[in-house]
Amino acid sequence: MSENKAKERKIIIGTVVSNRMDKTAVVQVQRRFAHPVFKKYVSKRVKYKVHDEKNDLNIGDTVRIVETRPLSRDKRWRLLEILERAAQD
Protein backbone atom coordinates (compact mmCIF):
# COMPACT_ATOMS: atom_id res chain seq x y z
CA MET A 1 0.00 0.00 0.00
CA SER A 2 2.80 2.44 0.78
CA GLU A 3 4.42 1.71 -2.59
CA ASN A 4 1.33 2.92 -4.44
CA LYS A 5 1.22 6.08 -2.38
CA ALA A 6 4.85 6.87 -3.25
CA LYS A 7 4.13 6.62 -6.99
CA GLU A 8 1.15 9.00 -6.99
CA ARG A 9 1.91 12.26 -8.75
CA LYS A 10 1.05 15.63 -7.27
CA ILE A 11 -1.84 17.44 -8.95
CA ILE A 12 -2.44 21.14 -8.30
CA ILE A 13 -4.69 23.90 -9.67
CA GLY A 14 -3.38 27.33 -10.65
CA THR A 15 -3.70 30.33 -12.94
CA VAL A 16 -1.61 31.01 -16.05
CA VAL A 17 0.40 34.22 -15.63
CA SER A 18 2.69 33.99 -18.69
CA ASN A 19 2.62 32.17 -22.04
CA ARG A 20 5.38 33.87 -23.98
CA MET A 21 7.68 30.85 -24.22
CA ASP A 22 7.33 28.14 -26.86
CA LYS A 23 5.46 25.10 -25.43
CA THR A 24 5.86 26.48 -21.90
CA ALA A 25 3.57 28.47 -19.63
CA VAL A 26 4.05 29.85 -16.14
CA VAL A 27 1.33 28.86 -13.67
CA GLN A 28 0.92 30.59 -10.32
CA VAL A 29 -0.52 28.58 -7.43
CA GLN A 30 -1.80 30.44 -4.39
CA ARG A 31 -2.49 28.76 -1.07
CA ARG A 32 -3.91 30.18 2.16
CA PHE A 33 -3.16 28.78 5.59
CA ALA A 34 -3.30 29.84 9.21
CA HIS A 35 0.01 31.04 10.61
CA PRO A 36 1.17 28.53 13.25
CA VAL A 37 1.96 31.17 15.89
CA PHE A 38 -0.18 34.21 15.09
CA LYS A 39 -3.25 32.31 13.78
CA LYS A 40 -3.79 34.85 11.01
CA TYR A 41 -4.37 33.70 7.45
CA VAL A 42 -1.33 34.02 5.19
CA SER A 43 -1.21 33.73 1.39
CA LYS A 44 1.75 32.13 -0.34
CA ARG A 45 2.27 32.14 -4.10
CA VAL A 46 4.51 29.80 -6.07
CA LYS A 47 5.17 29.84 -9.81
CA TYR A 48 5.71 26.66 -11.81
CA LYS A 49 6.87 26.26 -15.41
CA VAL A 50 4.45 23.94 -17.19
CA HIS A 51 4.82 22.01 -20.45
CA ASP A 52 2.06 23.06 -22.89
CA GLU A 53 2.52 20.92 -26.00
CA LYS A 54 -0.11 22.67 -28.16
CA ASN A 55 0.57 26.26 -27.03
CA ASP A 56 -3.14 26.71 -26.31
CA LEU A 57 -2.94 28.35 -22.86
CA ASN A 58 -3.76 32.03 -22.43
CA ILE A 59 -3.08 34.37 -19.53
CA GLY A 60 -5.80 34.05 -16.92
CA ASP A 61 -6.76 30.43 -17.69
CA THR A 62 -7.35 28.18 -14.68
CA VAL A 63 -5.56 24.86 -15.20
CA ARG A 64 -4.83 21.58 -13.48
CA ILE A 65 -1.17 20.51 -13.67
CA VAL A 66 0.59 17.28 -12.75
CA GLU A 67 4.13 16.62 -11.58
CA THR A 68 6.34 14.80 -14.09
CA ARG A 69 9.95 13.97 -14.87
CA PRO A 70 12.32 16.88 -15.51
CA LEU A 71 11.66 18.25 -19.01
CA SER A 72 14.22 21.06 -18.84
CA ARG A 73 16.23 22.92 -16.22
CA ASP A 74 13.14 24.47 -14.63
CA LYS A 75 10.20 22.51 -16.08
CA ARG A 76 8.89 19.72 -13.82
CA TRP A 77 5.14 19.98 -14.48
CA ARG A 78 2.84 19.32 -17.44
CA LEU A 79 -0.65 20.40 -18.33
CA LEU A 80 -3.38 17.95 -17.34
CA GLU A 81 -6.49 19.93 -18.30
CA ILE A 82 -7.87 23.42 -18.72
CA LEU A 83 -10.59 23.99 -16.13
CA GLU A 84 -11.70 27.48 -17.13
CA ARG A 85 -10.81 29.78 -20.01
CA ALA A 86 -10.05 33.44 -19.34
CA ALA A 87 -12.54 35.97 -20.65
CA GLN A 88 -11.37 37.34 -23.99
CA ASP A 89 -11.79 41.11 -24.50
PDB file of N, CA and C in Angstrom:
ATOM      1  N   MET A   1       0.808  -1.192   0.000  1.00  0.00           N
ATOM      2  CA  MET A   1       0.000   0.000   0.000  1.00  0.00           C
ATOM      3  C   MET A   1       0.856   1.262   0.000  1.00  0.00           C
ATOM      4  N   SER A   2       1.949   1.263   0.740  1.00  0.00           N
ATOM      5  CA  SER A   2       2.801   2.442   0.782  1.00  0.00           C
ATOM      6  C   SER A   2       3.541   2.647  -0.536  1.00  0.00           C
ATOM      7  N   GLU A   3       3.771   1.572  -1.289  1.00  0.00           N
ATOM      8  CA  GLU A   3       4.424   1.715  -2.589  1.00  0.00           C
ATOM      9  C   GLU A   3       3.534   2.473  -3.562  1.00  0.00           C
ATOM     10  N   ASN A   4       2.235   2.196  -3.561  1.00  0.00           N
ATOM     11  CA  ASN A   4       1.328   2.916  -4.443  1.00  0.00           C
ATOM     12  C   ASN A   4       1.275   4.388  -4.092  1.00  0.00           C
ATOM     13  N   LYS A   5       1.296   4.696  -2.816  1.00  0.00           N
ATOM     14  CA  LYS A   5       1.222   6.080  -2.383  1.00  0.00           C
ATOM     15  C   LYS A   5       2.471   6.848  -2.840  1.00  0.00           C
ATOM     16  N   ALA A   6       3.612   6.204  -2.843  1.00  0.00           N
ATOM     17  CA  ALA A   6       4.852   6.867  -3.251  1.00  0.00           C
ATOM     18  C   ALA A   6       4.847   7.178  -4.738  1.00  0.00           C
ATOM     19  N   LYS A   7       4.125   6.421  -5.547  1.00  0.00           N
ATOM     20  CA  LYS A   7       4.133   6.624  -6.992  1.00  0.00           C
ATOM     21  C   LYS A   7       3.054   7.590  -7.468  1.00  0.00           C
ATOM     22  N   GLU A   8       2.166   8.040  -6.586  1.00  0.00           N
ATOM     23  CA  GLU A   8       1.150   9.000  -6.988  1.00  0.00           C
ATOM     24  C   GLU A   8       1.810  10.338  -7.283  1.00  0.00           C
ATOM     25  N   ARG A   9       1.349  10.975  -8.361  1.00  0.00           N
ATOM     26  CA  ARG A   9       1.909  12.259  -8.752  1.00  0.00           C
ATOM     27  C   ARG A   9       1.079  13.391  -8.160  1.00  0.00           C
ATOM     28  N   LYS A  10       1.749  14.481  -7.825  1.00  0.00           N
ATOM     29  CA  LYS A  10       1.055  15.633  -7.269  1.00  0.00           C
ATOM     30  C   LYS A  10       0.239  16.317  -8.374  1.00  0.00           C
ATOM     31  N   ILE A  11      -0.973  16.708  -8.034  1.00  0.00           N
ATOM     32  CA  ILE A  11      -1.838  17.442  -8.954  1.00  0.00           C
ATOM     33  C   ILE A  11      -2.270  18.715  -8.245  1.00  0.00           C
ATOM     34  N   ILE A  12      -2.069  19.863  -8.909  1.00  0.00           N
ATOM     35  CA  ILE A  12      -2.441  21.138  -8.304  1.00  0.00           C
ATOM     36  C   ILE A  12      -3.179  22.000  -9.329  1.00  0.00           C
ATOM     37  N   ILE A  13      -3.907  22.991  -8.824  1.00  0.00           N
ATOM     38  CA  ILE A  13      -4.685  23.896  -9.668  1.00  0.00           C
ATOM     39  C   ILE A  13      -4.100  25.289  -9.534  1.00  0.00           C
ATOM     40  N   GLY A  14      -3.945  25.980 -10.673  1.00  0.00           N
ATOM     41  CA  GLY A  14      -3.379  27.325 -10.648  1.00  0.00           C
ATOM     42  C   GLY A  14      -3.871  28.162 -11.814  1.00  0.00           C
ATOM     43  N   THR A  15      -3.314  29.370 -11.910  1.00  0.00           N
ATOM     44  CA  THR A  15      -3.696  30.326 -12.939  1.00  0.00           C
ATOM     45  C   THR A  15      -2.489  30.649 -13.813  1.00  0.00           C
ATOM     46  N   VAL A  16      -2.694  30.704 -15.118  1.00  0.00           N
ATOM     47  CA  VAL A  16      -1.613  31.015 -16.054  1.00  0.00           C
ATOM     48  C   VAL A  16      -1.293  32.506 -15.959  1.00  0.00           C
ATOM     49  N   VAL A  17      -0.017  32.826 -15.724  1.00  0.00           N
ATOM     50  CA  VAL A  17       0.403  34.224 -15.635  1.00  0.00           C
ATOM     51  C   VAL A  17       1.318  34.634 -16.786  1.00  0.00           C
ATOM     52  N   SER A  18       1.846  33.665 -17.547  1.00  0.00           N
ATOM     53  CA  SER A  18       2.686  33.989 -18.695  1.00  0.00           C
ATOM     54  C   SER A  18       2.631  32.846 -19.697  1.00  0.00           C
ATOM     55  N   ASN A  19       2.612  33.193 -20.988  1.00  0.00           N
ATOM     56  CA  ASN A  19       2.624  32.167 -22.037  1.00  0.00           C
ATOM     57  C   ASN A  19       3.523  32.576 -23.199  1.00  0.00           C
ATOM     58  N   ARG A  20       4.524  33.353 -22.917  1.00  0.00           N
ATOM     59  CA  ARG A  20       5.384  33.875 -23.981  1.00  0.00           C
ATOM     60  C   ARG A  20       6.369  32.858 -24.532  1.00  0.00           C
ATOM     61  N   MET A  21       6.705  31.836 -23.761  1.00  0.00           N
ATOM     62  CA  MET A  21       7.678  30.854 -24.217  1.00  0.00           C
ATOM     63  C   MET A  21       7.028  29.822 -25.125  1.00  0.00           C
ATOM     64  N   ASP A  22       7.837  29.167 -25.949  1.00  0.00           N
ATOM     65  CA  ASP A  22       7.327  28.142 -26.856  1.00  0.00           C
ATOM     66  C   ASP A  22       7.097  26.853 -26.072  1.00  0.00           C
ATOM     67  N   LYS A  23       5.864  26.343 -26.091  1.00  0.00           N
ATOM     68  CA  LYS A  23       5.464  25.099 -25.432  1.00  0.00           C
ATOM     69  C   LYS A  23       5.645  25.133 -23.913  1.00  0.00           C
ATOM     70  N   THR A  24       5.703  26.333 -23.339  1.00  0.00           N
ATOM     71  CA  THR A  24       5.861  26.483 -21.895  1.00  0.00           C
ATOM     72  C   THR A  24       4.980  27.624 -21.415  1.00  0.00           C
ATOM     73  N   ALA A  25       4.359  27.416 -20.278  1.00  0.00           N
ATOM     74  CA  ALA A  25       3.573  28.466 -19.634  1.00  0.00           C
ATOM     75  C   ALA A  25       3.985  28.534 -18.169  1.00  0.00           C
ATOM     76  N   VAL A  26       3.766  29.686 -17.557  1.00  0.00           N
ATOM     77  CA  VAL A  26       4.052  29.845 -16.143  1.00  0.00           C
ATOM     78  C   VAL A  26       2.716  29.880 -15.409  1.00  0.00           C
ATOM     79  N   VAL A  27       2.572  28.974 -14.435  1.00  0.00           N
ATOM     80  CA  VAL A  27       1.333  28.862 -13.670  1.00  0.00           C
ATOM     81  C   VAL A  27       1.615  29.258 -12.228  1.00  0.00           C
ATOM     82  N   GLN A  28       0.771  30.138 -11.705  1.00  0.00           N
ATOM     83  CA  GLN A  28       0.915  30.590 -10.322  1.00  0.00           C
ATOM     84  C   GLN A  28      -0.117  29.872  -9.463  1.00  0.00           C
ATOM     85  N   VAL A  29       0.354  29.288  -8.366  1.00  0.00           N
ATOM     86  CA  VAL A  29      -0.518  28.585  -7.425  1.00  0.00           C
ATOM     87  C   VAL A  29      -0.505  29.356  -6.116  1.00  0.00           C
ATOM     88  N   GLN A  30      -1.692  29.688  -5.640  1.00  0.00           N
ATOM     89  CA  GLN A  30      -1.802  30.445  -4.393  1.00  0.00           C
ATOM     90  C   GLN A  30      -2.471  29.560  -3.345  1.00  0.00           C
ATOM     91  N   ARG A  31      -1.885  29.532  -2.151  1.00  0.00           N
ATOM     92  CA  ARG A  31      -2.489  28.762  -1.068  1.00  0.00           C
ATOM     93  C   ARG A  31      -2.597  29.638   0.163  1.00  0.00           C
ATOM     94  N   ARG A  32      -3.667  29.424   0.924  1.00  0.00           N
ATOM     95  CA  ARG A  32      -3.906  30.182   2.158  1.00  0.00           C
ATOM     96  C   ARG A  32      -3.880  29.206   3.324  1.00  0.00           C
ATOM     97  N   PHE A  33      -3.229  29.628   4.406  1.00  0.00           N
ATOM     98  CA  PHE A  33      -3.155  28.777   5.586  1.00  0.00           C
ATOM     99  C   PHE A  33      -3.040  29.658   6.822  1.00  0.00           C
ATOM    100  N   ALA A  34      -3.409  29.103   7.959  1.00  0.00           N
ATOM    101  CA  ALA A  34      -3.304  29.836   9.211  1.00  0.00           C
ATOM    102  C   ALA A  34      -1.862  29.811   9.692  1.00  0.00           C
ATOM    103  N   HIS A  35      -1.343  30.963  10.092  1.00  0.00           N
ATOM    104  CA  HIS A  35       0.012  31.042  10.606  1.00  0.00           C
ATOM    105  C   HIS A  35       0.082  30.234  11.912  1.00  0.00           C
ATOM    106  N   PRO A  36       1.118  29.404  12.075  1.00  0.00           N
ATOM    107  CA  PRO A  36       1.165  28.528  13.245  1.00  0.00           C
ATOM    108  C   PRO A  36       1.233  29.254  14.588  1.00  0.00           C
ATOM    109  N   VAL A  37       1.829  30.443  14.627  1.00  0.00           N
ATOM    110  CA  VAL A  37       1.960  31.166  15.889  1.00  0.00           C
ATOM    111  C   VAL A  37       0.878  32.234  16.033  1.00  0.00           C
ATOM    112  N   PHE A  38       0.692  33.052  14.986  1.00  0.00           N
ATOM    113  CA  PHE A  38      -0.183  34.208  15.091  1.00  0.00           C
ATOM    114  C   PHE A  38      -1.632  33.913  14.710  1.00  0.00           C
ATOM    115  N   LYS A  39      -1.901  32.748  14.134  1.00  0.00           N
ATOM    116  CA  LYS A  39      -3.250  32.309  13.781  1.00  0.00           C
ATOM    117  C   LYS A  39      -3.959  33.219  12.775  1.00  0.00           C
ATOM    118  N   LYS A  40      -3.204  34.039  12.069  1.00  0.00           N
ATOM    119  CA  LYS A  40      -3.794  34.849  11.005  1.00  0.00           C
ATOM    120  C   LYS A  40      -3.595  34.113   9.687  1.00  0.00           C
ATOM    121  N   TYR A  41      -4.498  34.362   8.748  1.00  0.00           N
ATOM    122  CA  TYR A  41      -4.369  33.698   7.450  1.00  0.00           C
ATOM    123  C   TYR A  41      -3.302  34.378   6.609  1.00  0.00           C
ATOM    124  N   VAL A  42      -2.451  33.549   5.996  1.00  0.00           N
ATOM    125  CA  VAL A  42      -1.334  34.016   5.190  1.00  0.00           C
ATOM    126  C   VAL A  42      -1.487  33.425   3.795  1.00  0.00           C
ATOM    127  N   SER A  43      -1.174  34.217   2.764  1.00  0.00           N
ATOM    128  CA  SER A  43      -1.209  33.734   1.389  1.00  0.00           C
ATOM    129  C   SER A  43       0.209  33.529   0.896  1.00  0.00           C
ATOM    130  N   LYS A  44       0.458  32.407   0.288  1.00  0.00           N
ATOM    131  CA  LYS A  44       1.753  32.126  -0.336  1.00  0.00           C
ATOM    132  C   LYS A  44       1.502  31.848  -1.808  1.00  0.00           C
ATOM    133  N   ARG A  45       2.378  32.367  -2.665  1.00  0.00           N
ATOM    134  CA  ARG A  45       2.271  32.135  -4.101  1.00  0.00           C
ATOM    135  C   ARG A  45       3.551  31.476  -4.603  1.00  0.00           C
ATOM    136  N   VAL A  46       3.388  30.497  -5.465  1.00  0.00           N
ATOM    137  CA  VAL A  46       4.514  29.799  -6.066  1.00  0.00           C
ATOM    138  C   VAL A  46       4.262  29.734  -7.564  1.00  0.00           C
ATOM    139  N   LYS A  47       5.311  29.915  -8.356  1.00  0.00           N
ATOM    140  CA  LYS A  47       5.175  29.835  -9.810  1.00  0.00           C
ATOM    141  C   LYS A  47       5.863  28.572 -10.310  1.00  0.00           C
ATOM    142  N   TYR A  48       5.182  27.875 -11.210  1.00  0.00           N
ATOM    143  CA  TYR A  48       5.714  26.660 -11.813  1.00  0.00           C
ATOM    144  C   TYR A  48       5.755  26.825 -13.317  1.00  0.00           C
ATOM    145  N   LYS A  49       6.819  26.310 -13.956  1.00  0.00           N
ATOM    146  CA  LYS A  49       6.869  26.263 -15.412  1.00  0.00           C
ATOM    147  C   LYS A  49       6.224  24.955 -15.846  1.00  0.00           C
ATOM    148  N   VAL A  50       5.294  25.060 -16.788  1.00  0.00           N
ATOM    149  CA  VAL A  50       4.450  23.935 -17.187  1.00  0.00           C
ATOM    150  C   VAL A  50       4.623  23.674 -18.676  1.00  0.00           C
ATOM    151  N   HIS A  51       4.718  22.400 -19.047  1.00  0.00           N
ATOM    152  CA  HIS A  51       4.819  22.013 -20.453  1.00  0.00           C
ATOM    153  C   HIS A  51       3.442  22.072 -21.091  1.00  0.00           C
ATOM    154  N   ASP A  52       3.316  22.877 -22.147  1.00  0.00           N
ATOM    155  CA  ASP A  52       2.063  23.059 -22.890  1.00  0.00           C
ATOM    156  C   ASP A  52       2.334  22.699 -24.345  1.00  0.00           C
ATOM    157  N   GLU A  53       2.133  21.445 -24.692  1.00  0.00           N
ATOM    158  CA  GLU A  53       2.518  20.915 -26.003  1.00  0.00           C
ATOM    159  C   GLU A  53       1.876  21.671 -27.166  1.00  0.00           C
ATOM    160  N   LYS A  54       0.608  22.061 -27.042  1.00  0.00           N
ATOM    161  CA  LYS A  54      -0.110  22.671 -28.165  1.00  0.00           C
ATOM    162  C   LYS A  54      -0.102  24.192 -28.146  1.00  0.00           C
ATOM    163  N   ASN A  55       0.541  24.796 -27.171  1.00  0.00           N
ATOM    164  CA  ASN A  55       0.572  26.255 -27.034  1.00  0.00           C
ATOM    165  C   ASN A  55      -0.831  26.849 -27.011  1.00  0.00           C
ATOM    166  N   ASP A  56      -1.768  26.212 -26.315  1.00  0.00           N
ATOM    167  CA  ASP A  56      -3.138  26.705 -26.311  1.00  0.00           C
ATOM    168  C   ASP A  56      -3.548  27.385 -25.009  1.00  0.00           C
ATOM    169  N   LEU A  57      -2.610  27.646 -24.101  1.00  0.00           N
ATOM    170  CA  LEU A  57      -2.935  28.346 -22.860  1.00  0.00           C
ATOM    171  C   LEU A  57      -2.841  29.855 -23.059  1.00  0.00           C
ATOM    172  N   ASN A  58      -3.765  30.566 -22.416  1.00  0.00           N
ATOM    173  CA  ASN A  58      -3.756  32.026 -22.433  1.00  0.00           C
ATOM    174  C   ASN A  58      -3.662  32.534 -21.007  1.00  0.00           C
ATOM    175  N   ILE A  59      -3.205  33.770 -20.850  1.00  0.00           N
ATOM    176  CA  ILE A  59      -3.077  34.369 -19.529  1.00  0.00           C
ATOM    177  C   ILE A  59      -4.454  34.454 -18.884  1.00  0.00           C
ATOM    178  N   GLY A  60      -4.543  34.013 -17.653  1.00  0.00           N
ATOM    179  CA  GLY A  60      -5.799  34.048 -16.919  1.00  0.00           C
ATOM    180  C   GLY A  60      -6.529  32.723 -16.888  1.00  0.00           C
ATOM    181  N   ASP A  61      -6.120  31.745 -17.699  1.00  0.00           N
ATOM    182  CA  ASP A  61      -6.764  30.429 -17.692  1.00  0.00           C
ATOM    183  C   ASP A  61      -6.506  29.733 -16.358  1.00  0.00           C
ATOM    184  N   THR A  62      -7.511  29.010 -15.879  1.00  0.00           N
ATOM    185  CA  THR A  62      -7.351  28.178 -14.685  1.00  0.00           C
ATOM    186  C   THR A  62      -7.078  26.759 -15.168  1.00  0.00           C
ATOM    187  N   VAL A  63      -5.989  26.163 -14.682  1.00  0.00           N
ATOM    188  CA  VAL A  63      -5.558  24.864 -15.196  1.00  0.00           C
ATOM    189  C   VAL A  63      -5.242  23.902 -14.057  1.00  0.00           C
ATOM    190  N   ARG A  64      -5.264  22.627 -14.393  1.00  0.00           N
ATOM    191  CA  ARG A  64      -4.828  21.577 -13.475  1.00  0.00           C
ATOM    192  C   ARG A  64      -3.526  21.026 -14.053  1.00  0.00           C
ATOM    193  N   ILE A  65      -2.469  20.981 -13.210  1.00  0.00           N
ATOM    194  CA  ILE A  65      -1.166  20.508 -13.670  1.00  0.00           C
ATOM    195  C   ILE A  65      -0.732  19.317 -12.834  1.00  0.00           C
ATOM    196  N   VAL A  66       0.139  18.501 -13.419  1.00  0.00           N
ATOM    197  CA  VAL A  66       0.589  17.282 -12.754  1.00  0.00           C
ATOM    198  C   VAL A  66       2.116  17.244 -12.774  1.00  0.00           C
ATOM    199  N   GLU A  67       2.689  16.750 -11.700  1.00  0.00           N
ATOM    200  CA  GLU A  67       4.135  16.620 -11.585  1.00  0.00           C
ATOM    201  C   GLU A  67       4.624  15.551 -12.548  1.00  0.00           C
ATOM    202  N   THR A  68       5.794  15.754 -13.132  1.00  0.00           N
ATOM    203  CA  THR A  68       6.341  14.797 -14.091  1.00  0.00           C
ATOM    204  C   THR A  68       7.862  14.795 -14.002  1.00  0.00           C
ATOM    205  N   ARG A  69       8.483  14.019 -14.844  1.00  0.00           N
ATOM    206  CA  ARG A  69       9.948  13.973 -14.865  1.00  0.00           C
ATOM    207  C   ARG A  69      10.494  15.316 -15.322  1.00  0.00           C
ATOM    208  N   PRO A  70      11.757  15.610 -15.053  1.00  0.00           N
ATOM    209  CA  PRO A  70      12.319  16.882 -15.512  1.00  0.00           C
ATOM    210  C   PRO A  70      12.319  16.973 -17.037  1.00  0.00           C
ATOM    211  N   LEU A  71      11.722  18.039 -17.562  1.00  0.00           N
ATOM    212  CA  LEU A  71      11.656  18.250 -19.008  1.00  0.00           C
ATOM    213  C   LEU A  71      12.702  19.255 -19.472  1.00  0.00           C
ATOM    214  N   SER A  72      13.144  20.112 -18.562  1.00  0.00           N
ATOM    215  CA  SER A  72      14.222  21.056 -18.839  1.00  0.00           C
ATOM    216  C   SER A  72      14.800  21.473 -17.497  1.00  0.00           C
ATOM    217  N   ARG A  73      15.599  22.503 -17.480  1.00  0.00           N
ATOM    218  CA  ARG A  73      16.226  22.917 -16.221  1.00  0.00           C
ATOM    219  C   ARG A  73      15.193  23.300 -15.165  1.00  0.00           C
ATOM    220  N   ASP A  74      14.142  23.988 -15.573  1.00  0.00           N
ATOM    221  CA  ASP A  74      13.138  24.466 -14.625  1.00  0.00           C
ATOM    222  C   ASP A  74      11.789  23.758 -14.727  1.00  0.00           C
ATOM    223  N   LYS A  75      11.530  23.086 -15.838  1.00  0.00           N
ATOM    224  CA  LYS A  75      10.202  22.509 -16.081  1.00  0.00           C
ATOM    225  C   LYS A  75      10.067  21.129 -15.465  1.00  0.00           C
ATOM    226  N   ARG A  76       9.135  21.003 -14.489  1.00  0.00           N
ATOM    227  CA  ARG A  76       8.890  19.724 -13.823  1.00  0.00           C
ATOM    228  C   ARG A  76       7.408  19.377 -13.801  1.00  0.00           C
ATOM    229  N   TRP A  77       6.580  20.160 -14.489  1.00  0.00           N
ATOM    230  CA  TRP A  77       5.139  19.978 -14.477  1.00  0.00           C
ATOM    231  C   TRP A  77       4.627  19.962 -15.909  1.00  0.00           C
ATOM    232  N   ARG A  78       3.473  19.283 -16.127  1.00  0.00           N
ATOM    233  CA  ARG A  78       2.840  19.316 -17.442  1.00  0.00           C
ATOM    234  C   ARG A  78       1.352  19.555 -17.273  1.00  0.00           C
ATOM    235  N   LEU A  79       0.760  20.051 -18.339  1.00  0.00           N
ATOM    236  CA  LEU A  79      -0.654  20.401 -18.330  1.00  0.00           C
ATOM    237  C   LEU A  79      -1.507  19.140 -18.322  1.00  0.00           C
ATOM    238  N   LEU A  80      -2.454  19.071 -17.397  1.00  0.00           N
ATOM    239  CA  LEU A  80      -3.383  17.949 -17.337  1.00  0.00           C
ATOM    240  C   LEU A  80      -4.687  18.315 -18.017  1.00  0.00           C
ATOM    241  N   GLU A  81      -5.267  19.457 -17.645  1.00  0.00           N
ATOM    242  CA  GLU A  81      -6.491  19.927 -18.305  1.00  0.00           C
ATOM    243  C   GLU A  81      -6.699  21.398 -18.020  1.00  0.00           C
ATOM    244  N   ILE A  82      -7.490  22.033 -18.906  1.00  0.00           N
ATOM    245  CA  ILE A  82      -7.871  23.418 -18.724  1.00  0.00           C
ATOM    246  C   ILE A  82      -9.239  23.417 -18.071  1.00  0.00           C
ATOM    247  N   LEU A  83      -9.323  23.994 -16.876  1.00  0.00           N
ATOM    248  CA  LEU A  83     -10.586  23.993 -16.133  1.00  0.00           C
ATOM    249  C   LEU A  83     -11.491  25.142 -16.558  1.00  0.00           C
ATOM    250  N   GLU A  84     -10.894  26.318 -16.789  1.00  0.00           N
ATOM    251  CA  GLU A  84     -11.698  27.477 -17.134  1.00  0.00           C
ATOM    252  C   GLU A  84     -10.873  28.409 -18.018  1.00  0.00           C
ATOM    253  N   ARG A  85     -11.480  28.847 -19.118  1.00  0.00           N
ATOM    254  CA  ARG A  85     -10.809  29.779 -20.008  1.00  0.00           C
ATOM    255  C   ARG A  85     -10.971  31.195 -19.501  1.00  0.00           C
ATOM    256  N   ALA A  86      -9.962  32.032 -19.726  1.00  0.00           N
ATOM    257  CA  ALA A  86     -10.046  33.438 -19.344  1.00  0.00           C
ATOM    258  C   ALA A  86     -10.989  34.159 -20.298  1.00  0.00           C
ATOM    259  N   ALA A  87     -11.647  35.179 -19.808  1.00  0.00           N
ATOM    260  CA  ALA A  87     -12.543  35.971 -20.654  1.00  0.00           C
ATOM    261  C   ALA A  87     -11.717  36.755 -21.664  1.00  0.00           C
ATOM    262  N   GLN A  88     -12.080  36.637 -22.927  1.00  0.00           N
ATOM    263  CA  GLN A  88     -11.372  37.340 -23.994  1.00  0.00           C
ATOM    264  C   GLN A  88     -12.035  38.695 -24.231  1.00  0.00           C
ATOM    265  N   ASP A  89     -11.236  39.756 -24.268  1.00  0.00           N
ATOM    266  CA  ASP A  89     -11.788  41.106 -24.501  1.00  0.00           C
ATOM    267  C   ASP A  89     -11.922  41.403 -25.963  1.00  0.00           C
TER     268      ASP A  89
END
